[in-house]
Protein backbone atom coordinates (compact mmCIF):
# COMPACT_ATOMS: atom_id res chain seq x y z
CA MET A 1 39.10 -90.72 4.71
CA ALA A 2 38.64 -87.81 6.59
CA GLU A 3 36.34 -85.02 5.35
CA PRO A 4 37.79 -81.78 4.31
CA VAL A 5 37.75 -79.05 6.91
CA SER A 6 35.57 -76.84 4.50
CA HIS A 7 32.69 -79.73 4.43
CA VAL A 8 32.72 -79.90 8.31
CA THR A 9 32.33 -76.39 8.76
CA ALA A 10 29.74 -76.10 6.08
CA GLN A 11 27.64 -78.81 8.15
CA MET A 12 28.46 -77.27 11.37
CA PRO A 13 25.50 -75.35 13.30
CA ARG A 14 25.91 -71.54 12.93
CA ALA A 15 25.78 -70.84 16.34
CA LYS A 16 28.54 -73.21 17.00
CA LEU A 17 30.72 -72.03 14.21
CA ALA A 18 29.94 -68.35 15.64
CA GLY A 19 31.23 -69.35 18.81
CA LEU A 20 34.35 -70.87 17.58
CA LEU A 21 35.10 -67.90 15.66
CA LEU A 22 34.84 -65.65 18.84
CA PHE A 23 36.87 -67.93 20.92
CA PHE A 24 39.58 -68.16 18.47
CA LEU A 25 39.67 -65.01 16.81
CA GLY A 26 37.94 -62.48 19.27
CA PRO A 27 40.99 -62.07 21.66
CA ALA A 28 43.29 -61.12 18.53
CA VAL A 29 40.54 -58.81 17.18
CA VAL A 30 40.16 -57.02 20.55
CA ILE A 31 44.07 -56.61 20.93
CA TYR A 32 44.52 -55.45 17.26
CA THR A 33 41.62 -53.11 17.57
CA LEU A 34 42.96 -51.49 20.94
CA PHE A 35 46.76 -50.97 19.76
CA SER A 36 46.49 -50.47 16.00
CA ILE A 37 42.84 -49.49 14.68
CA TYR A 38 41.70 -47.36 17.74
CA PRO A 39 45.29 -45.31 17.75
CA LEU A 40 45.06 -44.92 14.30
CA VAL A 41 41.32 -43.52 14.06
CA ALA A 42 42.07 -41.27 17.28
CA THR A 43 45.24 -39.74 15.55
CA MET A 44 43.36 -39.10 12.17
CA ALA A 45 40.36 -37.37 14.38
CA LEU A 46 42.85 -35.38 16.25
CA SER A 47 44.48 -34.14 12.98
CA THR A 48 41.22 -32.34 12.31
CA TYR A 49 41.46 -30.30 15.48
CA THR A 50 43.46 -27.23 16.76
CA SER A 51 44.16 -26.25 19.93
CA ASP A 52 44.74 -22.75 21.74
CA PRO A 53 47.34 -22.02 24.57
CA SER A 54 44.32 -22.76 27.22
CA GLY A 55 44.19 -26.27 25.73
CA SER A 56 40.56 -26.21 24.32
CA ARG A 57 40.29 -27.96 21.21
CA SER A 58 38.18 -26.88 18.13
CA PHE A 59 37.40 -28.57 15.00
CA VAL A 60 39.02 -26.81 11.92
CA GLY A 61 38.53 -29.98 9.24
CA LEU A 62 41.46 -30.14 6.94
CA ALA A 63 43.02 -26.95 7.73
CA ASN A 64 45.85 -28.52 9.67
CA PHE A 65 46.69 -30.39 6.40
CA ARG A 66 46.79 -27.33 4.30
CA THR A 67 49.04 -25.39 6.72
CA LEU A 68 51.28 -28.40 6.66
CA LEU A 69 51.73 -28.55 2.89
CA GLY A 70 51.31 -24.89 2.13
CA ASP A 71 52.22 -22.77 4.95
CA ALA A 72 56.05 -21.91 4.31
CA LEU A 73 56.58 -22.23 8.12
CA TRP A 74 55.66 -25.85 8.00
CA SER A 75 56.11 -26.99 4.48
CA LYS A 76 59.48 -26.25 4.22
CA PRO A 77 60.86 -28.99 7.02
CA PHE A 78 58.03 -31.14 6.06
CA TRP A 79 59.17 -31.64 2.26
CA ASN A 80 63.01 -31.43 3.46
CA ALA A 81 62.20 -34.35 5.98
CA LEU A 82 60.34 -36.36 3.07
CA GLY A 83 62.98 -35.78 0.38
CA ASN A 84 65.44 -37.28 3.04
CA ASN A 85 63.38 -40.16 3.76
CA LEU A 86 63.37 -41.07 0.01
CA ILE A 87 67.12 -40.65 -0.18
CA PHE A 88 67.19 -42.96 3.20
CA PHE A 89 64.88 -45.36 1.23
CA ILE A 90 66.64 -45.36 -1.79
CA VAL A 91 70.20 -46.25 -0.27
CA HIS A 92 68.40 -49.32 1.42
CA MET A 93 67.07 -50.48 -1.71
CA CYS A 94 70.09 -50.03 -3.77
CA VAL A 95 72.79 -51.14 -1.00
CA GLN A 96 70.93 -53.14 1.65
CA ASN A 97 68.80 -55.28 -0.70
CA PRO A 98 71.54 -56.14 -3.41
CA VAL A 99 74.01 -57.06 -0.52
CA GLY A 100 71.43 -59.31 1.02
CA ILE A 101 70.86 -61.20 -2.22
CA ALA A 102 74.45 -61.49 -2.78
CA LEU A 103 75.25 -63.08 0.83
CA ALA A 104 72.15 -65.37 0.18
CA GLY A 105 73.73 -66.54 -3.02
CA LEU A 106 76.93 -67.32 -1.84
CA LEU A 107 75.61 -68.90 1.37
CA SER A 108 73.24 -71.12 -0.37
CA LEU A 109 76.30 -72.43 -2.55
CA PRO A 110 77.26 -76.07 -1.98
CA GLY A 111 80.31 -76.75 -0.33
CA VAL A 112 80.70 -73.53 1.68
CA ARG A 113 82.01 -74.42 4.98
CA LEU A 114 80.79 -72.70 8.32
CA LYS A 115 77.80 -71.27 6.90
CA GLY A 116 76.01 -71.48 10.41
CA PHE A 117 78.59 -69.13 11.70
CA TYR A 118 78.50 -66.64 8.87
CA ARG A 119 75.03 -66.61 9.34
CA THR A 120 75.09 -65.74 12.88
CA VAL A 121 77.98 -63.09 12.35
CA MET A 122 75.86 -61.09 9.34
CA PHE A 123 72.73 -61.41 11.37
CA LEU A 124 74.18 -60.40 14.78
CA PRO A 125 74.02 -56.88 14.34
CA THR A 126 70.19 -57.02 13.52
CA MET A 127 69.82 -58.06 17.43
CA LEU A 128 71.47 -55.17 18.77
CA SER A 129 69.94 -52.18 20.33
CA VAL A 130 69.51 -49.29 17.60
CA VAL A 131 70.83 -46.96 20.67
CA ILE A 132 74.22 -49.27 21.02
CA VAL A 133 74.52 -49.09 17.22
CA GLY A 134 74.05 -45.36 16.81
CA PHE A 135 76.45 -44.58 19.84
CA SER A 136 79.02 -47.21 18.82
CA TRP A 137 79.45 -45.47 15.22
CA ASN A 138 79.32 -42.26 16.53
CA LEU A 139 82.63 -43.29 18.57
CA ILE A 140 84.16 -45.07 15.59
CA LEU A 141 83.48 -42.05 13.17
CA SER A 142 84.46 -39.35 15.33
CA PRO A 143 87.30 -37.30 14.04
CA LEU A 144 88.67 -36.86 17.69
CA TRP A 145 88.86 -40.25 19.20
CA GLY A 146 87.46 -42.66 16.41
CA VAL A 147 89.10 -45.45 14.95
CA ALA A 148 88.05 -44.79 11.63
CA SER A 149 90.72 -42.19 10.85
CA GLY A 150 93.78 -44.65 12.14
CA ALA A 151 92.27 -47.55 10.49
CA LEU A 152 92.21 -45.70 6.96
CA LYS A 153 95.70 -44.15 7.53
CA ALA A 154 96.98 -47.75 8.29
CA VAL A 155 96.07 -48.92 4.71
CA GLY A 156 97.23 -45.60 3.06
CA LEU A 157 93.79 -44.19 2.64
CA GLY A 158 93.97 -41.48 5.29
CA SER A 159 93.40 -38.69 2.83
CA LEU A 160 89.62 -40.14 2.33
CA PHE A 161 88.62 -39.64 6.00
CA ALA A 162 86.25 -36.83 6.59
CA PRO A 163 83.99 -36.10 9.44
CA TRP A 164 81.13 -37.68 7.54
CA LEU A 165 78.30 -37.53 10.36
CA GLY A 166 79.11 -33.66 10.88
CA LEU A 167 78.91 -32.79 7.02
CA GLU A 168 75.61 -31.38 5.64
CA SER A 169 76.52 -33.42 2.19
CA SER A 170 77.41 -37.12 3.85
CA ALA A 171 75.36 -37.04 7.29
CA LEU A 172 72.28 -38.62 5.87
CA VAL A 173 74.31 -41.27 3.65
CA THR A 174 76.51 -41.97 6.39
CA LEU A 175 73.34 -42.79 8.60
CA SER A 176 71.96 -44.78 6.16
CA LEU A 177 74.81 -47.03 5.36
CA ILE A 178 74.89 -47.64 9.32
CA SER A 179 71.43 -48.56 9.16
CA VAL A 180 72.17 -50.97 6.15
CA TRP A 181 74.92 -52.07 8.19
CA GLN A 182 72.60 -53.38 10.79
CA PHE A 183 69.78 -54.66 9.29
CA VAL A 184 71.29 -56.40 6.00
CA GLY A 185 70.82 -59.67 7.71
CA ILE A 186 67.24 -59.58 7.51
CA PRO A 187 67.09 -59.53 3.58
CA MET A 188 69.81 -61.97 3.77
CA MET A 189 68.09 -64.58 6.02
CA LEU A 190 64.58 -64.06 4.03
CA ILE A 191 66.25 -64.72 0.60
CA TYR A 192 68.55 -67.34 1.97
CA ALA A 193 65.37 -69.38 3.05
CA ALA A 194 63.71 -68.80 -0.23
CA LEU A 195 66.99 -70.44 -1.95
CA LEU A 196 66.93 -73.26 0.33
CA ASN A 197 63.13 -74.18 -0.81
CA ILE A 198 64.39 -74.30 -4.58
CA PRO A 199 64.24 -77.92 -5.47
CA GLU A 200 67.22 -79.63 -6.16
CA GLU A 201 65.90 -81.28 -9.35
CA LEU A 202 66.10 -77.95 -10.98
CA ILE A 203 69.82 -77.30 -9.76
CA ASP A 204 70.84 -80.70 -10.95
CA ALA A 205 69.18 -80.45 -14.40
CA ALA A 206 70.99 -76.96 -14.73
CA ARG A 207 74.35 -78.69 -14.18
CA VAL A 208 73.68 -81.25 -16.67
CA ASP A 209 73.04 -78.85 -19.16
CA GLY A 210 76.45 -77.21 -18.58
CA LEU A 211 75.49 -74.04 -16.61
CA GLY A 212 77.96 -72.80 -13.97
CA GLN A 213 77.13 -71.36 -10.47
CA PHE A 214 76.88 -67.86 -11.67
CA ARG A 215 74.10 -68.52 -14.52
CA ILE A 216 72.21 -71.07 -12.34
CA PHE A 217 71.80 -68.12 -9.93
CA PHE A 218 70.95 -65.54 -12.19
CA HIS A 219 68.94 -67.62 -14.69
CA ILE A 220 67.19 -70.24 -12.36
CA LYS A 221 67.67 -69.20 -8.41
CA LEU A 222 67.04 -65.53 -8.73
CA PRO A 223 63.59 -65.60 -10.95
CA LEU A 224 62.37 -68.35 -8.52
CA VAL A 225 62.84 -65.76 -5.38
CA LEU A 226 61.18 -62.83 -6.97
CA PRO A 227 58.41 -62.95 -4.84
CA THR A 228 60.51 -62.87 -1.86
CA ILE A 229 62.68 -59.93 -2.83
CA SER A 230 59.53 -58.20 -3.74
CA LEU A 231 58.44 -58.80 0.14
CA VAL A 232 61.77 -57.91 1.50
CA SER A 233 61.34 -54.17 -0.89
CA VAL A 234 57.86 -53.85 0.95
CA LEU A 235 59.34 -54.57 4.38
CA THR A 236 62.26 -51.75 3.72
CA PHE A 237 59.69 -49.48 2.32
CA VAL A 238 57.88 -49.49 5.47
CA ALA A 239 60.45 -49.63 7.49
CA ASN A 240 62.29 -46.81 6.24
CA PHE A 241 59.33 -44.53 6.34
CA ASN A 242 58.58 -45.46 10.06
CA ALA A 243 62.58 -44.94 10.65
CA PHE A 244 63.11 -42.65 14.04
CA ASP A 245 65.49 -44.31 16.52
CA LEU A 246 68.81 -44.36 14.54
CA ILE A 247 68.81 -40.77 13.54
CA TYR A 248 67.57 -39.66 17.06
CA SER A 249 69.73 -41.60 18.86
CA VAL A 250 73.12 -40.18 16.57
CA LYS A 251 71.79 -36.84 15.92
CA GLY A 252 69.01 -36.08 18.24
CA ALA A 253 65.47 -34.53 17.68
CA LEU A 254 67.17 -31.67 15.60
CA ALA A 255 68.54 -34.10 13.15
CA GLY A 256 71.62 -32.17 12.54
CA PRO A 257 73.65 -30.85 10.91
CA ASN A 258 71.09 -27.73 9.85
CA PHE A 259 68.40 -30.67 9.66
CA ALA A 260 70.31 -32.34 6.87
CA THR A 261 69.33 -35.77 8.69
CA ASP A 262 65.83 -34.70 9.23
CA ILE A 263 63.13 -37.54 8.12
CA LEU A 264 59.18 -37.94 8.69
CA GLY A 265 59.63 -39.53 12.17
CA THR A 266 62.21 -36.83 13.82
CA PHE A 267 59.84 -34.29 12.23
CA PHE A 268 56.74 -35.70 13.46
CA TYR A 269 58.59 -36.03 17.00
CA ARG A 270 59.81 -32.55 17.16
CA THR A 271 56.10 -31.27 15.99
CA PHE A 272 54.06 -33.42 18.43
CA PHE A 273 56.20 -33.47 21.65
CA GLY A 274 58.35 -30.08 21.15
CA ASN A 275 61.96 -29.62 21.17
CA GLN A 276 64.02 -26.84 22.97
CA LEU A 277 62.27 -23.66 21.51
CA GLN A 278 59.93 -25.48 19.79
CA LEU A 279 56.70 -26.08 21.71
CA GLY A 280 54.72 -29.24 21.33
CA ASN A 281 51.43 -29.20 19.07
CA PRO A 282 49.86 -32.44 19.49
CA THR A 283 47.05 -31.56 16.42
CA MET A 284 49.87 -30.66 14.07
CA GLY A 285 51.90 -33.88 15.08
CA ALA A 286 48.51 -36.03 14.18
CA ALA A 287 48.25 -34.25 11.21
CA VAL A 288 52.15 -35.22 10.28
CA ALA A 289 51.37 -38.92 11.49
CA THR A 290 48.43 -39.14 9.18
CA VAL A 291 50.24 -37.84 6.28
CA MET A 292 53.14 -40.74 7.04
CA PHE A 293 50.15 -43.07 7.39
CA PHE A 294 49.04 -42.36 3.62
CA ILE A 295 52.34 -42.10 2.13
CA ILE A 296 53.11 -45.68 3.21
CA LEU A 297 49.44 -46.50 2.44
CA LEU A 298 50.09 -45.11 -1.26
CA GLY A 299 53.31 -47.01 -1.54
CA LEU A 300 51.77 -50.34 -0.60
CA CYS A 301 48.98 -49.91 -3.10
CA LEU A 302 51.28 -49.11 -5.75
CA TYR A 303 53.22 -52.14 -4.75
CA LEU A 304 49.91 -54.26 -4.76
CA PHE A 305 48.65 -53.26 -8.18
CA LEU A 306 51.74 -52.49 -10.23
CA VAL A 307 54.20 -54.62 -9.06
CA GLN A 308 52.72 -57.83 -7.39
CA ARG A 309 50.09 -58.86 -10.05
CA ARG A 310 53.21 -58.76 -12.65
CA ILE A 311 55.34 -61.10 -10.54
CA ARG A 312 55.23 -64.84 -12.01
CA ARG A 313 53.99 -67.37 -9.35
CA TYR A 314 56.02 -70.76 -9.51
CA ALA A 315 54.30 -73.99 -8.44
CA PHE A 316 56.10 -77.07 -8.00
C-alpha cells in the first residue's frame, strides 16, 4: 500500500522540499506578484500623492480620500456612481441568478431532449465580445432604425416601446438587463454542473415517496446546490463592481444620459484618464480604484463571515 503524500513530504529533507516548492510554486508566485500584488500596492501608494501641473508629486496621506468623499465636486459623482453600481448589482442578483437557477433546473430534468443544443444557445452570448453585444443592442433598441419597435407593434404592444437607452429613468436598468442576457449562461452552467453531481439515489428515493419534479427541486436539489449558488453570488458581486466595458461601449465614458448609467468603472476611467474637457488626474484615479478595491473586499468579508459560515455542508 502506497504511503500517504503527507508522510512522504514529512520524511523528505527540508532542502529538497524547499526546492520542489520553489520549482512548482515559484513561477506562479512571481507572475501573481508582478501582475496582481505589485499593481495593487502601487495603486494604493499613488493614491496618497498629489501632482501639480508640472507633473511633480508630493505626499498628502489620506487627503485624496477626504476630497473624494467630502468635496462636493468629487463626492456627488462618486456617490452617484456607487448608487448606480448597487442598482446594477441588484438587477443581476434578482434577475440573472434566479433565471440561471431556473434554466439549470429545467435542463436537469430527465427526458429533456436536445439538452446540448439548449446549453449551447443559452451560453453562446457569454462568448461574444461585449463591444459587439453593446453595439448590437444599441441598434436593436434604437427608436430610429431598431427592430424592437417593429417587433412590439407586430404583437400589438407597440405602445410599450420607448427609447429606453435614452431615458434617465430606464437607461441603467436596460443596460443591466442586456448584461443579464449576455452572462446568464455562466450561473446556469455552474448550477447545472452542481445539479448533475447530486446522487441519483436521493432523487429516486424522493420519487418513491411520491414527490413530483417541482417538490424534488425545491426540497432536495436546491438545498444541495446552495454552496454553488453562494459562489455564483460572490462572482456576480465582484464582476458587477468591476464592470466597465458594456457601459463604455454603449454610452461612452460620460455614461449618459446625464450620468444616469455612470458606475464606478466609468467614473474611475474619467478620473484617471480624463475625458473631453475633464483632465486626467492619476492620483485621484488611484484613490477611486483603492476605494473600489475596499468596497469589493468588504463585500467578500461580509459574505465569508455572515453567509458562508451558515451554509450547510452536505457530504455524500
